[in-house]
Protein backbone atom coordinates (compact mmCIF):
# COMPACT_ATOMS: atom_id res chain seq x y z
CA MET A 1 30.54 -25.90 -5.27
CA LEU A 2 29.57 -23.78 -8.27
CA THR A 3 29.34 -20.09 -7.52
CA VAL A 4 28.53 -16.70 -9.02
CA GLY A 5 29.84 -16.45 -12.58
CA ASP A 6 29.75 -20.20 -13.23
CA LYS A 7 27.28 -21.69 -15.71
CA ILE A 8 24.47 -24.02 -14.67
CA PRO A 9 25.76 -27.44 -15.77
CA ASN A 10 24.22 -29.50 -18.54
CA PHE A 11 21.69 -31.93 -17.14
CA LYS A 12 18.79 -34.17 -18.10
CA VAL A 13 16.58 -35.58 -15.34
CA LYS A 14 13.10 -36.95 -14.85
CA ALA A 15 10.76 -34.58 -13.08
CA THR A 16 7.39 -34.85 -11.43
CA VAL A 17 5.26 -32.13 -12.99
CA SER A 18 1.67 -33.13 -12.28
CA LEU A 19 -0.62 -35.54 -10.47
CA GLU A 20 -2.80 -35.92 -13.58
CA LYS A 21 -2.75 -39.53 -14.81
CA GLY A 22 -0.57 -39.87 -17.90
CA LYS A 23 1.02 -36.43 -17.43
CA GLU A 24 2.90 -36.99 -14.17
CA PHE A 25 6.47 -37.03 -15.47
CA GLN A 26 8.60 -35.12 -17.95
CA ASP A 27 12.26 -34.96 -18.91
CA ILE A 28 13.76 -31.59 -17.93
CA THR A 29 17.13 -30.33 -19.18
CA ASN A 30 19.17 -27.20 -18.67
CA GLU A 31 17.71 -26.06 -22.03
CA THR A 32 14.01 -26.65 -21.21
CA PHE A 33 13.48 -23.10 -19.96
CA LYS A 34 16.13 -21.42 -22.10
CA GLY A 35 15.91 -17.63 -22.07
CA LYS A 36 14.29 -17.46 -18.62
CA TRP A 37 15.79 -16.70 -15.24
CA LEU A 38 16.12 -19.95 -13.27
CA VAL A 39 15.61 -20.37 -9.56
CA LEU A 40 16.91 -23.83 -8.74
CA PHE A 41 16.48 -24.88 -5.13
CA ALA A 42 17.50 -28.18 -3.59
CA TRP A 43 16.29 -29.95 -0.47
CA PRO A 44 17.70 -33.00 1.35
CA LYS A 45 14.88 -35.58 1.37
CA ASP A 46 11.23 -36.06 0.57
CA PHE A 47 8.87 -37.06 3.41
CA THR A 48 10.71 -34.91 5.96
CA PHE A 49 9.77 -31.92 8.11
CA ILE A 50 11.49 -28.69 6.98
CA CYS A 51 11.50 -29.50 3.27
CA PRO A 52 7.73 -29.33 2.66
CA THR A 53 7.54 -25.92 4.35
CA GLU A 54 10.05 -24.55 1.83
CA ILE A 55 8.59 -26.34 -1.19
CA ALA A 56 5.05 -25.21 -0.33
CA GLU A 57 6.26 -21.60 0.10
CA PHE A 58 7.95 -21.65 -3.32
CA GLY A 59 4.64 -22.98 -4.67
CA LYS A 60 2.60 -20.23 -2.99
CA LYS A 61 4.95 -17.57 -4.38
CA ASN A 62 5.36 -19.12 -7.84
CA LYS A 63 3.38 -16.28 -9.47
CA ASP A 64 5.92 -13.81 -8.03
CA PHE A 65 8.63 -15.72 -9.91
CA THR A 66 6.68 -16.11 -13.16
CA ASP A 67 5.86 -12.37 -13.06
CA ARG A 68 9.64 -11.85 -13.12
CA ASP A 69 10.12 -14.24 -16.09
CA ALA A 70 11.73 -16.80 -13.77
CA GLN A 71 11.19 -20.55 -13.70
CA VAL A 72 11.37 -22.32 -10.35
CA LEU A 73 12.86 -25.82 -10.32
CA GLY A 74 12.92 -27.95 -7.17
CA LEU A 75 15.58 -30.64 -6.78
CA SER A 76 16.43 -33.58 -4.55
CA THR A 77 18.11 -36.95 -4.92
CA ASP A 78 14.78 -38.77 -4.54
CA SER A 79 13.17 -40.44 -7.57
CA GLU A 80 10.30 -39.01 -9.57
CA PHE A 81 8.08 -41.73 -8.06
CA VAL A 82 8.95 -40.67 -4.52
CA HIS A 83 8.23 -37.05 -5.49
CA HIS A 84 4.89 -38.16 -6.93
CA ALA A 85 3.97 -40.13 -3.80
CA TRP A 86 4.90 -37.19 -1.58
CA ARG A 87 2.83 -34.77 -3.65
CA THR A 88 -0.08 -37.22 -3.59
CA HIS A 89 -0.04 -37.58 0.19
CA HIS A 90 1.01 -34.13 1.42
CA PRO A 91 -1.82 -31.56 1.19
CA ASP A 92 0.55 -28.59 0.81
CA LEU A 93 2.32 -30.19 -2.18
CA LYS A 94 -0.60 -31.50 -4.26
CA ASN A 95 -0.86 -28.53 -6.62
CA LEU A 96 2.76 -27.48 -7.02
CA PRO A 97 3.18 -25.30 -10.11
CA PHE A 98 6.84 -26.16 -10.75
CA PRO A 99 8.78 -29.34 -11.61
CA MET A 100 10.36 -31.49 -8.88
CA LEU A 101 13.62 -32.76 -10.39
CA ALA A 102 14.71 -36.30 -9.55
CA ASP A 103 18.50 -36.51 -9.35
CA ILE A 104 18.68 -40.19 -8.36
CA LYS A 105 22.15 -40.64 -9.89
CA HIS A 106 23.37 -37.52 -7.99
CA GLU A 107 24.86 -36.19 -11.24
CA LEU A 108 23.32 -32.72 -11.03
CA CYS A 109 23.95 -32.34 -7.28
CA ASN A 110 27.57 -33.43 -7.81
CA ALA A 111 28.00 -31.01 -10.73
CA LEU A 112 26.58 -28.20 -8.57
CA GLY A 113 28.76 -29.33 -5.64
CA ILE A 114 25.88 -29.48 -3.16
CA LEU A 115 25.96 -33.04 -1.82
CA HIS A 116 26.29 -33.22 1.96
CA LYS A 117 29.64 -34.90 2.67
CA GLU A 118 28.35 -37.35 5.29
CA GLU A 119 24.66 -37.75 4.45
CA GLY A 120 24.96 -37.95 0.65
CA VAL A 121 21.83 -35.82 0.16
CA ALA A 122 21.44 -32.37 -1.34
CA LEU A 123 22.16 -29.40 0.87
CA ARG A 124 19.53 -26.63 1.08
CA ALA A 125 21.06 -24.74 -1.82
CA THR A 126 19.44 -22.03 -3.92
CA PHE A 127 20.84 -20.88 -7.26
CA ILE A 128 19.57 -17.96 -9.32
CA ALA A 129 20.78 -18.05 -12.92
CA ASP A 130 20.23 -15.38 -15.56
CA PRO A 131 18.66 -16.13 -18.97
CA GLU A 132 22.08 -17.15 -20.33
CA GLY A 133 22.44 -19.78 -17.58
CA ILE A 134 25.09 -17.84 -15.63
CA ILE A 135 24.76 -18.20 -11.88
CA ARG A 136 24.20 -14.78 -10.32
CA HIS A 137 23.36 -15.82 -6.73
CA VAL A 138 23.98 -18.83 -4.47
CA THR A 139 22.95 -19.55 -0.90
CA VAL A 140 23.37 -22.75 1.07
CA ASN A 141 21.84 -23.59 4.43
CA ASP A 142 22.68 -26.39 6.82
CA LEU A 143 20.28 -29.33 6.73
CA SER A 144 18.45 -28.10 9.85
CA VAL A 145 17.65 -24.53 8.66
CA GLY A 146 15.00 -23.61 6.11
CA ARG A 147 15.48 -20.77 3.64
CA ASN A 148 13.51 -17.54 3.17
CA VAL A 149 11.64 -17.56 -0.15
CA SER A 150 10.83 -13.83 0.11
CA GLU A 151 14.56 -13.12 0.27
CA THR A 152 15.05 -15.18 -2.90
CA ILE A 153 12.45 -12.98 -4.63
CA ARG A 154 14.09 -9.81 -3.29
CA THR A 155 17.48 -10.99 -4.56
CA LEU A 156 16.01 -11.82 -7.98
CA ASP A 157 14.48 -8.32 -8.12
CA ALA A 158 17.84 -6.76 -7.29
CA LEU A 159 19.66 -8.83 -9.91
CA GLN A 160 17.11 -7.90 -12.55
CA THR A 161 17.68 -4.16 -12.00
CA ASP A 162 21.27 -4.54 -13.24
CA GLU A 163 22.05 -1.64 -10.89
CA LEU A 164 23.71 -1.13 -7.50
CA CYS A 165 21.24 -2.21 -4.80
CA PRO A 166 22.00 -1.41 -1.14
CA CYS A 167 21.41 -3.58 1.91
CA ASN A 168 17.71 -4.38 2.47
CA TRP A 169 16.73 -2.82 -0.88
CA THR A 170 13.29 -3.87 -2.11
CA LYS A 171 11.60 -3.53 -5.49
CA GLY A 172 10.28 -0.03 -6.06
CA GLU A 173 12.95 1.66 -3.94
CA GLU A 174 15.63 3.82 -5.45
CA THR A 175 18.87 2.02 -6.27
CA LEU A 176 22.30 3.49 -5.52
CA THR A 177 22.78 3.89 -9.26
CA GLN A 178 19.70 6.12 -9.42
CA LYS A 179 20.87 8.15 -6.41
CA LEU A 180 24.34 8.62 -7.90
CA SER A 181 22.95 9.75 -11.26
CA LYS A 182 20.74 12.35 -9.51
CA ALA A 183 23.73 13.67 -7.54
CA GLY A 184 25.85 14.00 -10.67
């Protein structure tokens, strides 16, 4: 699995970006959002139970990410048509503000190292990459445990300070770097 310090791999996938007729799909590459922070999160399967709770929460908090110059990208091994059908029929997913990447060949999930060994689906992985595409944070949950989107935002905030941030630090609090410079 790729980890902190590795670069987000090159990729080109179809993505579901809208429910508007004629504008549903778009090709997305690792260069599409060049210069932005990326928050790439993967889920195992569309039309399941835990996955829509996470996807909807990323959607609800999308403005928190865009305010931080970060682009959210969702990812699974389902096709763009399955993503579209799910968005059409699930009320919490209809108006998602971020692309749902379709990795039907498993190329991106394999390159990231996040395919479940027995199930062959994406693990619940979250990657935060800086504007140069360098991975700065990775978390992976078992298939049965959803992630905490607020913690992803908190981690992004901490990374963007470029300072020493203690346990449970939140945006607006003093960093250790600030405390050390005052003591000096």
